[in-house]
Amino acid sequence: MRVTLKLFASLGSYLPAGARDNSIWLEAERGATPLSLMRELSLPPGLCHLVLVNGRHEGAETELAEGDVVAIWPPVAGG
């Protein structure tokens, strides 16, 4: 199944070749989760702070479906 993965800020450097605008289509196995995508791309768990599926905070262990969009942000600090 195809899903879109978007990585923001410092996580963008972990996107595979061919990514555009911090986003790439991936072929994922049935039963894939944001967590399994993070592991597949060797994303450091401590840098994956906010995980959204289709714009909703569903959690990293949510089972993905065809066409889902996964967006991941690192921790952000500011004042």
Protein backbone atom coordinates (compact mmCIF):
# COMPACT_ATOMS: atom_id res chain seq x y z
CA MET A 1 0.00 0.00 0.00
CA ARG A 2 1.17 3.55 -0.62
CA VAL A 3 1.44 6.11 2.16
CA THR A 4 2.94 9.59 2.28
CA LEU A 5 5.60 10.32 4.87
CA LYS A 6 6.41 13.91 5.82
CA LEU A 7 9.37 14.68 8.08
CA PHE A 8 9.87 18.20 9.40
CA ALA A 9 12.80 20.28 10.65
CA SER A 10 15.91 18.23 11.44
CA LEU A 11 14.12 14.95 10.60
CA GLY A 12 14.04 15.91 6.92
CA SER A 13 17.60 14.63 6.51
CA TYR A 14 16.33 11.07 7.13
CA LEU A 15 14.07 11.06 4.06
CA PRO A 16 15.17 8.71 1.27
CA ALA A 17 16.45 9.98 -2.06
CA GLY A 18 13.68 11.34 -4.24
CA ALA A 19 11.89 13.20 -1.45
CA ARG A 20 10.48 16.61 -2.33
CA ASP A 21 9.26 19.31 0.02
CA ASN A 22 10.00 17.10 3.06
CA SER A 23 7.63 14.45 1.71
CA ILE A 24 7.83 11.09 -0.07
CA TRP A 25 5.49 8.29 -1.13
CA LEU A 26 6.44 4.94 0.40
CA GLU A 27 5.33 1.41 -0.27
CA ALA A 28 4.37 -0.01 3.13
CA GLU A 29 3.33 -3.51 4.06
CA ARG A 30 -0.19 -4.21 5.24
CA GLY A 31 -0.29 -3.64 8.99
CA ALA A 32 2.41 -0.95 8.87
CA THR A 33 2.36 1.74 11.54
CA PRO A 34 4.13 5.10 11.87
CA LEU A 35 6.45 3.33 14.33
CA SER A 36 7.38 0.66 11.77
CA LEU A 37 8.11 3.41 9.20
CA MET A 38 10.31 5.20 11.76
CA ARG A 39 12.24 1.99 12.41
CA GLU A 40 12.58 1.27 8.68
CA LEU A 41 14.15 4.69 8.13
CA SER A 42 16.28 4.48 11.32
CA LEU A 43 14.73 7.60 12.81
CA PRO A 44 15.99 8.22 16.35
CA PRO A 45 13.00 7.62 18.67
CA GLY A 46 13.97 10.58 20.86
CA LEU A 47 13.65 12.92 17.87
CA CYS A 48 10.14 11.80 16.89
CA HIS A 49 8.07 13.92 19.22
CA LEU A 50 4.79 14.57 17.41
CA VAL A 51 3.25 11.97 15.08
CA LEU A 52 0.11 12.76 13.09
CA VAL A 53 -1.83 10.44 10.79
CA ASN A 54 -4.01 12.36 8.34
CA GLY A 55 -3.64 15.48 10.46
CA ARG A 56 -4.78 13.79 13.68
CA HIS A 57 -2.76 12.81 16.71
CA GLU A 58 -3.41 9.08 16.44
CA GLY A 59 -0.19 7.72 17.93
CA ALA A 60 2.79 5.88 16.52
CA GLU A 61 1.18 2.44 16.71
CA THR A 62 -1.89 3.26 14.63
CA GLU A 63 -2.33 0.82 11.74
CA LEU A 64 -2.04 2.68 8.44
CA ALA A 65 -4.31 2.38 5.41
CA GLU A 66 -3.79 3.05 1.71
CA GLY A 67 -3.30 6.76 1.06
CA ASP A 68 -2.66 7.78 4.67
CA VAL A 69 -0.36 10.72 5.36
CA VAL A 70 2.07 10.41 8.26
CA ALA A 71 3.71 13.61 9.51
CA ILE A 72 6.45 13.59 12.15
CA TRP A 73 8.05 16.53 13.98
CA PRO A 74 11.00 16.61 16.35
CA PRO A 75 10.76 18.34 19.73
CA VAL A 76 10.48 22.12 19.29
CA ALA A 77 11.54 24.73 21.80
CA GLY A 78 10.82 28.39 21.77
CA GLY A 79 9.71 31.28 23.78
